[in-house]
Amino acid sequence: MALVRKGSRRIVVDGTAYRWRLRGRPTYDQGLVWSPCTFAVEHADTPGMTLVVTTDQPHPSNWIGRGAVPVLPSDVAVAVRLALREGWTPTALGSAFHLDQSAGFTPSH
């Protein structure tokens, strides 16, 4: 599954270029803050296995006005390094690699 180029941002982590993207509109569950914000990362030159990171924050565009910290490039770099240590192989073909960093997320009721 390749990332949509429109809206993606380039980042270089430890000398390797990646593209990352945060979904502009929240999913239904993210809009109601039932589930946390996610973003996706892939190798910039040889896209293969996509990294999907689940954060501990609500989506910044949630519908109930709950405060959210934006996903920063430094957050993406930390997630990439952690995923690589946990076995993510960005240039290999395969299904998405999920990195769950949602500990501490409190859903709305």
C-alpha atoms as a PDB file:
ATOM      1  CA  MET A   1       0.000   0.000   0.000  1.00  0.00           C
ATOM      2  CA  ALA A   2       1.723   3.177  -1.172  1.00  0.00           C
ATOM      3  CA  LEU A   3       1.219   6.550   0.442  1.00  0.00           C
ATOM      4  CA  VAL A   4      -0.684   9.194  -1.457  1.00  0.00           C
ATOM      5  CA  ARG A   5       1.921  11.711  -2.596  1.00  0.00           C
ATOM      6  CA  LYS A   6      -0.385  14.687  -2.179  1.00  0.00           C
ATOM      7  CA  GLY A   7      -0.051  15.976   1.358  1.00  0.00           C
ATOM      8  CA  SER A   8       2.951  13.819   2.208  1.00  0.00           C
ATOM      9  CA  ARG A   9       6.094  15.351   3.681  1.00  0.00           C
ATOM     10  CA  ARG A  10       9.701  14.318   3.221  1.00  0.00           C
ATOM     11  CA  ILE A  11      11.899  13.583   6.208  1.00  0.00           C
ATOM     12  CA  VAL A  12      15.449  12.274   6.459  1.00  0.00           C
ATOM     13  CA  VAL A  13      16.167  10.008   9.429  1.00  0.00           C
ATOM     14  CA  ASP A  14      19.750   8.895   9.979  1.00  0.00           C
ATOM     15  CA  GLY A  15      20.614   9.543   6.327  1.00  0.00           C
ATOM     16  CA  THR A  16      17.606   7.740   4.814  1.00  0.00           C
ATOM     17  CA  ALA A  17      14.763   9.646   3.145  1.00  0.00           C
ATOM     18  CA  TYR A  18      11.163   8.795   3.994  1.00  0.00           C
ATOM     19  CA  ARG A  19       7.761  10.290   3.227  1.00  0.00           C
ATOM     20  CA  TRP A  20       5.114  10.611   5.901  1.00  0.00           C
ATOM     21  CA  ARG A  21       1.513  11.674   5.940  1.00  0.00           C
ATOM     22  CA  LEU A  22      -1.132  12.452   8.502  1.00  0.00           C
ATOM     23  CA  ARG A  23      -4.680  11.980   7.285  1.00  0.00           C
ATOM     24  CA  GLY A  24      -6.163  15.470   6.799  1.00  0.00           C
ATOM     25  CA  ARG A  25      -9.650  14.527   7.841  1.00  0.00           C
ATOM     26  CA  PRO A  26     -10.227  12.294  10.833  1.00  0.00           C
ATOM     27  CA  THR A  27     -11.956   8.961  10.449  1.00  0.00           C
ATOM     28  CA  TYR A  28     -15.374   8.749  12.117  1.00  0.00           C
ATOM     29  CA  ASP A  29     -13.885   7.204  15.265  1.00  0.00           C
ATOM     30  CA  GLN A  30     -11.064   9.777  15.327  1.00  0.00           C
ATOM     31  CA  GLY A  31     -13.531  12.631  14.804  1.00  0.00           C
ATOM     32  CA  LEU A  32     -15.451  11.572  17.907  1.00  0.00           C
ATOM     33  CA  VAL A  33     -12.164  10.869  19.765  1.00  0.00           C
ATOM     34  CA  TRP A  34     -13.024   7.208  20.167  1.00  0.00           C
ATOM     35  CA  SER A  35      -9.652   6.279  18.633  1.00  0.00           C
ATOM     36  CA  PRO A  36      -6.312   8.104  18.479  1.00  0.00           C
ATOM     37  CA  CYS A  37      -4.598   9.855  15.594  1.00  0.00           C
ATOM     38  CA  THR A  38      -2.465   7.785  13.214  1.00  0.00           C
ATOM     39  CA  PHE A  39       0.121   8.617  10.582  1.00  0.00           C
ATOM     40  CA  ALA A  40       1.889   6.612   7.892  1.00  0.00           C
ATOM     41  CA  VAL A  41       5.535   6.502   6.795  1.00  0.00           C
ATOM     42  CA  GLU A  42       7.246   4.864   3.822  1.00  0.00           C
ATOM     43  CA  HIS A  43      10.702   4.809   2.234  1.00  0.00           C
ATOM     44  CA  ALA A  44      10.938   7.768  -0.176  1.00  0.00           C
ATOM     45  CA  ASP A  45      12.781   6.045  -3.029  1.00  0.00           C
ATOM     46  CA  THR A  46      11.765   2.381  -2.727  1.00  0.00           C
ATOM     47  CA  PRO A  47       8.323   2.215  -1.115  1.00  0.00           C
ATOM     48  CA  GLY A  48       7.587  -1.201   0.281  1.00  0.00           C
ATOM     49  CA  MET A  49       6.184  -1.952   3.709  1.00  0.00           C
ATOM     50  CA  THR A  50       4.262   1.046   5.077  1.00  0.00           C
ATOM     51  CA  LEU A  51       4.704   1.963   8.726  1.00  0.00           C
ATOM     52  CA  VAL A  52       1.418   2.893  10.444  1.00  0.00           C
ATOM     53  CA  VAL A  53       1.912   4.667  13.764  1.00  0.00           C
ATOM     54  CA  THR A  54      -0.902   5.012  16.298  1.00  0.00           C
ATOM     55  CA  THR A  55      -0.251   7.993  18.570  1.00  0.00           C
ATOM     56  CA  ASP A  56      -1.532   8.744  22.055  1.00  0.00           C
ATOM     57  CA  GLN A  57      -3.217  11.959  20.883  1.00  0.00           C
ATOM     58  CA  PRO A  58      -6.628  12.781  19.409  1.00  0.00           C
ATOM     59  CA  HIS A  59      -6.693  13.803  15.749  1.00  0.00           C
ATOM     60  CA  PRO A  60      -6.040  17.579  15.552  1.00  0.00           C
ATOM     61  CA  SER A  61      -9.238  18.032  13.493  1.00  0.00           C
ATOM     62  CA  ASN A  62     -11.527  16.090  15.837  1.00  0.00           C
ATOM     63  CA  TRP A  63     -15.157  17.222  15.870  1.00  0.00           C
ATOM     64  CA  ILE A  64     -15.611  17.738  19.591  1.00  0.00           C
ATOM     65  CA  GLY A  65     -12.838  20.291  20.058  1.00  0.00           C
ATOM     66  CA  ARG A  66     -10.613  18.142  22.240  1.00  0.00           C
ATOM     67  CA  GLY A  67      -7.098  19.564  22.432  1.00  0.00           C
ATOM     68  CA  ALA A  68      -4.423  17.708  20.512  1.00  0.00           C
ATOM     69  CA  VAL A  69      -0.682  18.031  20.148  1.00  0.00           C
ATOM     70  CA  PRO A  70       0.319  18.153  16.473  1.00  0.00           C
ATOM     71  CA  VAL A  71       2.508  15.400  15.012  1.00  0.00           C
ATOM     72  CA  LEU A  72       5.944  16.939  14.514  1.00  0.00           C
ATOM     73  CA  PRO A  73       8.778  15.742  12.273  1.00  0.00           C
ATOM     74  CA  SER A  74      10.731  14.902  15.447  1.00  0.00           C
ATOM     75  CA  ASP A  75       7.872  12.565  16.485  1.00  0.00           C
ATOM     76  CA  VAL A  76       8.041  10.873  13.087  1.00  0.00           C
ATOM     77  CA  ALA A  77      11.810  10.421  13.386  1.00  0.00           C
ATOM     78  CA  VAL A  78      11.444   8.826  16.839  1.00  0.00           C
ATOM     79  CA  ALA A  79       8.757   6.459  15.514  1.00  0.00           C
ATOM     80  CA  VAL A  80      10.874   5.485  12.483  1.00  0.00           C
ATOM     81  CA  ARG A  81      13.892   4.660  14.659  1.00  0.00           C
ATOM     82  CA  LEU A  82      11.754   2.610  17.065  1.00  0.00           C
ATOM     83  CA  ALA A  83      10.024   0.729  14.240  1.00  0.00           C
ATOM     84  CA  LEU A  84      13.362  -0.093  12.620  1.00  0.00           C
ATOM     85  CA  ARG A  85      14.590  -1.505  15.961  1.00  0.00           C
ATOM     86  CA  GLU A  86      11.393  -3.566  16.212  1.00  0.00           C
ATOM     87  CA  GLY A  87      11.825  -5.108  12.769  1.00  0.00           C
ATOM     88  CA  TRP A  88      10.236  -2.768  10.224  1.00  0.00           C
ATOM     89  CA  THR A  89      11.895  -3.253   6.830  1.00  0.00           C
ATOM     90  CA  PRO A  90      10.737  -0.233   4.785  1.00  0.00           C
ATOM     91  CA  THR A  91      11.921  -1.475   1.372  1.00  0.00           C
ATOM     92  CA  ALA A  92      10.581  -5.031   1.733  1.00  0.00           C
ATOM     93  CA  LEU A  93       7.229  -5.937   0.243  1.00  0.00           C
ATOM     94  CA  GLY A  94       4.537  -6.883   2.681  1.00  0.00           C
ATOM     95  CA  SER A  95       1.568  -5.707   4.665  1.00  0.00           C
ATOM     96  CA  ALA A  96       1.737  -2.630   6.854  1.00  0.00           C
ATOM     97  CA  PHE A  97       3.909  -2.633   9.961  1.00  0.00           C
ATOM     98  CA  HIS A  98       1.961  -1.283  12.947  1.00  0.00           C
ATOM     99  CA  LEU A  99       3.629   0.645  15.748  1.00  0.00           C
ATOM    100  CA  ASP A 100       1.271   1.259  18.647  1.00  0.00           C
ATOM    101  CA  GLN A 101       2.194   4.256  20.797  1.00  0.00           C
ATOM    102  CA  SER A 102      -1.333   4.812  22.085  1.00  0.00           C
ATOM    103  CA  ALA A 103      -0.646   4.054  25.760  1.00  0.00           C
ATOM    104  CA  GLY A 104      -2.235   6.852  27.761  1.00  0.00           C
ATOM    105  CA  PHE A 105      -4.878   7.775  25.169  1.00  0.00           C
ATOM    106  CA  THR A 106      -8.271   8.400  26.757  1.00  0.00           C
ATOM    107  CA  PRO A 107     -11.227   8.041  24.405  1.00  0.00           C
ATOM    108  CA  SER A 108     -14.312  10.249  24.716  1.00  0.00           C
ATOM    109  CA  HIS A 109     -17.537   8.683  25.846  1.00  0.00           C
END
